[in-house]
Amino acid sequence: MDIQVVGDDPFGDEAYKKLFEDTMSDLNKAVLIDKAKLILKPKVPLFIFSIVLKADPGNKTVVDVANVREESNMTYITITQERYAPDILKALWTKYGRNKVVQQTRFDIEVTNAKMSELQEMIVASGEQDLREIMGAIWRSMPEGIKNRRSLIDGGVITVIATEELMQPEMMDEGRQIHKEMGGAARCSRS
């Protein structure tokens, strides 16, 4: 993950870069982020955090996050994206029952009488859920007490503009400019 910090305190900027990186890693979101730009203006106060995701968040099915092969009445699943392992197991148990789902290892599962066509449609994570989790991770990495936030979300670009004060038009303009620089649309908005 490439992180650029723009602020006026070199020590604070570096510390904030590490805090952001650690927060995203601890919450298992760093793997989803391609690059981030953090604008730190504590004297204003204004904080703009803009990230570009590696992929646009969307619904994930079993076959999106695992290798699947069918052999007669047995289907073998090897999970390739660890973060979805609990969701896959839960979905399989719900559809086929625990007695037909055998977890051989942490990432290898055998399912009796499962069909590839069913697994291609079985949603294990929604794009909205991913967005909520990423937004939560961004908010956790911001300074405490910052309650006034606006979010710009456009495909794979998420920008959060935050202040302790009233959100001024020039603050939103600066946030939109950063959002556009990161690859987002200039006119998208979501609070």
Protein backbone atom coordinates (compact mmCIF):
# COMPACT_ATOMS: atom_id res chain seq x y z
CA MET A 1 0.00 0.00 0.00
CA ASP A 2 1.42 3.33 -1.11
CA ILE A 3 0.66 6.07 1.47
CA GLN A 4 1.30 9.78 0.87
CA VAL A 5 0.94 12.16 3.81
CA VAL A 6 0.65 15.92 3.29
CA GLY A 7 1.00 17.95 6.47
CA ASP A 8 3.18 20.58 8.09
CA ASP A 9 4.82 18.48 10.84
CA PRO A 10 7.35 15.92 9.48
CA PHE A 11 7.42 13.95 12.75
CA GLY A 12 3.63 13.98 13.05
CA ASP A 13 3.18 13.12 9.38
CA GLU A 14 5.40 10.05 9.67
CA ALA A 15 3.69 8.97 12.91
CA TYR A 16 0.27 9.35 11.28
CA LYS A 17 1.38 7.35 8.24
CA LYS A 18 2.40 4.49 10.55
CA LEU A 19 -0.85 4.78 12.54
CA PHE A 20 -2.94 4.63 9.35
CA GLU A 21 -0.95 1.68 8.02
CA ASP A 22 -1.17 -0.19 11.34
CA THR A 23 -4.90 0.47 11.68
CA MET A 24 -5.62 -0.81 8.17
CA SER A 25 -3.42 -3.88 8.75
CA ASP A 26 -4.94 -4.65 12.15
CA LEU A 27 -8.45 -4.46 10.69
CA ASN A 28 -7.38 -6.57 7.68
CA LYS A 29 -8.15 -3.78 5.19
CA ALA A 30 -4.61 -3.03 3.98
CA VAL A 31 -4.87 -5.84 1.44
CA LEU A 32 -7.79 -4.03 -0.22
CA ILE A 33 -6.01 -0.67 -0.61
CA ASP A 34 -3.78 0.26 -3.54
CA LYS A 35 -2.85 3.76 -2.40
CA ALA A 36 -3.85 6.41 0.13
CA LYS A 37 -3.41 10.15 0.49
CA LEU A 38 -3.78 11.75 3.91
CA ILE A 39 -4.12 15.52 4.20
CA LEU A 40 -3.46 16.65 7.80
CA LYS A 41 -4.29 20.23 8.79
CA PRO A 42 -4.80 20.10 12.58
CA LYS A 43 -4.67 23.91 12.95
CA VAL A 44 -7.76 24.39 10.71
CA PRO A 45 -8.83 21.58 11.77
CA LEU A 46 -9.27 19.62 8.52
CA PHE A 47 -8.42 16.02 7.72
CA ILE A 48 -8.90 14.48 4.28
CA PHE A 49 -8.24 10.77 3.85
CA SER A 50 -8.56 9.45 0.31
CA ILE A 51 -7.96 5.84 -0.68
CA VAL A 52 -7.96 3.90 -3.93
CA LEU A 53 -9.07 0.31 -3.62
CA LYS A 54 -7.38 -2.47 -5.57
CA ALA A 55 -10.82 -3.49 -6.85
CA ASP A 56 -14.26 -1.93 -6.83
CA PRO A 57 -16.13 -3.55 -3.92
CA GLY A 58 -18.90 -5.77 -5.13
CA ASN A 59 -20.71 -8.92 -4.12
CA LYS A 60 -18.37 -11.90 -3.76
CA THR A 61 -19.46 -15.45 -4.50
CA VAL A 62 -17.73 -18.65 -3.43
CA VAL A 63 -16.05 -19.02 -6.84
CA ASP A 64 -14.75 -15.42 -6.63
CA VAL A 65 -12.74 -16.17 -3.49
CA ALA A 66 -11.98 -19.88 -3.81
CA ASN A 67 -10.92 -22.54 -6.30
CA VAL A 68 -13.74 -25.04 -6.82
CA ARG A 69 -13.81 -28.39 -8.59
CA GLU A 70 -16.50 -31.04 -8.87
CA GLU A 71 -15.86 -34.79 -8.95
CA SER A 72 -18.96 -37.00 -9.12
CA ASN A 73 -20.98 -36.25 -5.96
CA MET A 74 -18.18 -34.35 -4.15
CA THR A 75 -17.17 -30.71 -4.55
CA TYR A 76 -13.74 -29.57 -3.38
CA ILE A 77 -13.23 -25.96 -2.34
CA THR A 78 -9.84 -24.35 -1.67
CA ILE A 79 -10.22 -20.87 -0.21
CA THR A 80 -7.81 -18.40 -1.84
CA GLN A 81 -8.85 -15.25 0.04
CA GLU A 82 -8.58 -15.98 3.76
CA ARG A 83 -10.79 -13.10 4.92
CA TYR A 84 -13.84 -14.84 3.42
CA ALA A 85 -13.22 -18.25 5.02
CA PRO A 86 -15.73 -17.84 7.89
CA ASP A 87 -18.41 -16.50 5.52
CA ILE A 88 -17.91 -19.38 3.07
CA LEU A 89 -18.19 -21.97 5.82
CA LYS A 90 -21.32 -20.34 7.24
CA ALA A 91 -22.97 -20.16 3.80
CA LEU A 92 -22.15 -23.81 3.06
CA TRP A 93 -23.50 -24.97 6.43
CA THR A 94 -26.69 -22.99 5.86
CA LYS A 95 -27.31 -24.40 2.37
CA TYR A 96 -26.08 -28.00 2.74
CA GLY A 97 -26.04 -28.70 6.48
CA ARG A 98 -23.04 -29.38 8.70
CA ASN A 99 -23.11 -33.11 8.02
CA LYS A 100 -22.37 -32.57 4.28
CA VAL A 101 -19.61 -30.00 4.79
CA VAL A 102 -16.22 -31.29 5.93
CA GLN A 103 -13.42 -28.83 6.62
CA GLN A 104 -10.20 -30.79 5.95
CA THR A 105 -7.84 -27.88 6.70
CA ARG A 106 -8.27 -24.20 7.35
CA PHE A 107 -8.69 -23.55 3.63
CA ASP A 108 -9.80 -26.90 2.18
CA ILE A 109 -13.45 -27.92 2.31
CA GLU A 110 -15.34 -30.89 0.86
CA VAL A 111 -19.07 -30.66 0.24
CA THR A 112 -21.28 -33.61 -0.66
CA ASN A 113 -23.77 -33.01 -3.50
CA ALA A 114 -22.91 -29.33 -4.05
CA LYS A 115 -23.12 -28.09 -7.62
CA MET A 116 -20.76 -25.61 -9.26
CA SER A 117 -23.74 -23.59 -10.54
CA GLU A 118 -24.99 -23.14 -6.96
CA LEU A 119 -21.58 -22.00 -5.73
CA GLN A 120 -21.30 -19.49 -8.59
CA GLU A 121 -24.43 -17.79 -7.23
CA MET A 122 -23.77 -18.19 -3.48
CA ILE A 123 -22.92 -14.72 -2.14
CA VAL A 124 -20.49 -14.78 0.78
CA ALA A 125 -19.89 -11.00 1.12
CA SER A 126 -21.68 -7.93 -0.17
CA GLY A 127 -19.98 -4.88 -1.60
CA GLU A 128 -21.94 -2.69 0.83
CA GLN A 129 -20.55 -4.67 3.76
CA ASP A 130 -17.00 -4.20 2.46
CA LEU A 131 -17.60 -0.45 2.04
CA ARG A 132 -18.96 -0.14 5.59
CA GLU A 133 -15.94 -2.00 6.98
CA ILE A 134 -13.49 0.14 5.00
CA MET A 135 -15.27 3.35 6.08
CA GLY A 136 -15.14 2.17 9.70
CA ALA A 137 -11.40 1.53 9.35
CA ILE A 138 -10.84 5.02 7.90
CA TRP A 139 -12.85 6.62 10.70
CA ARG A 140 -10.88 4.69 13.34
CA SER A 141 -7.64 6.02 11.91
CA MET A 142 -8.80 9.65 12.14
CA PRO A 143 -8.18 11.77 15.25
CA GLU A 144 -10.66 11.21 18.08
CA GLY A 145 -13.41 13.74 18.48
CA ILE A 146 -13.76 14.54 14.77
CA LYS A 147 -17.50 14.16 14.35
CA ASN A 148 -18.32 16.23 11.28
CA ARG A 149 -17.52 13.99 8.31
CA ARG A 150 -18.49 13.84 4.67
CA SER A 151 -17.75 10.92 2.39
CA LEU A 152 -17.21 10.82 -1.35
CA ILE A 153 -17.48 7.35 -2.85
CA ASP A 154 -17.03 6.63 -6.51
CA GLY A 155 -16.25 3.10 -7.59
CA GLY A 156 -12.90 2.24 -6.09
CA VAL A 157 -12.12 5.69 -4.63
CA ILE A 158 -13.23 6.67 -1.13
CA THR A 159 -12.53 10.11 0.34
CA VAL A 160 -13.48 11.24 3.84
CA ILE A 161 -13.42 14.94 4.69
CA ALA A 162 -13.53 15.64 8.43
CA THR A 163 -13.46 18.62 10.76
CA GLU A 164 -14.41 19.52 14.33
CA GLU A 165 -15.98 22.75 13.06
CA LEU A 166 -18.82 23.44 10.66
CA MET A 167 -18.03 21.97 7.27
CA GLN A 168 -17.17 24.97 5.10
CA PRO A 169 -17.67 24.96 1.30
CA GLU A 170 -13.92 25.40 0.75
CA MET A 171 -13.27 22.26 2.86
CA MET A 172 -15.63 20.27 0.65
CA ASP A 173 -14.02 21.77 -2.46
CA GLU A 174 -10.58 20.68 -1.28
CA GLY A 175 -11.90 17.19 -0.52
CA ARG A 176 -13.51 16.94 -3.97
CA GLN A 177 -10.24 18.05 -5.57
CA ILE A 178 -8.25 15.35 -3.73
CA HIS A 179 -10.95 12.80 -4.60
CA LYS A 180 -10.66 13.75 -8.28
CA GLU A 181 -6.83 13.57 -8.16
CA MET A 182 -7.13 10.02 -6.77
CA GLY A 183 -9.33 9.00 -9.72
CA GLY A 184 -12.83 9.67 -8.41
CA ALA A 185 -15.56 11.72 -10.06
CA ALA A 186 -15.67 15.40 -9.11
CA ARG A 187 -19.41 15.45 -8.42
CA CYS A 188 -20.12 12.27 -6.45
CA SER A 189 -21.26 12.74 -2.86
CA ARG A 190 -22.44 10.63 0.02
CA SER A 191 -22.70 11.62 3.67
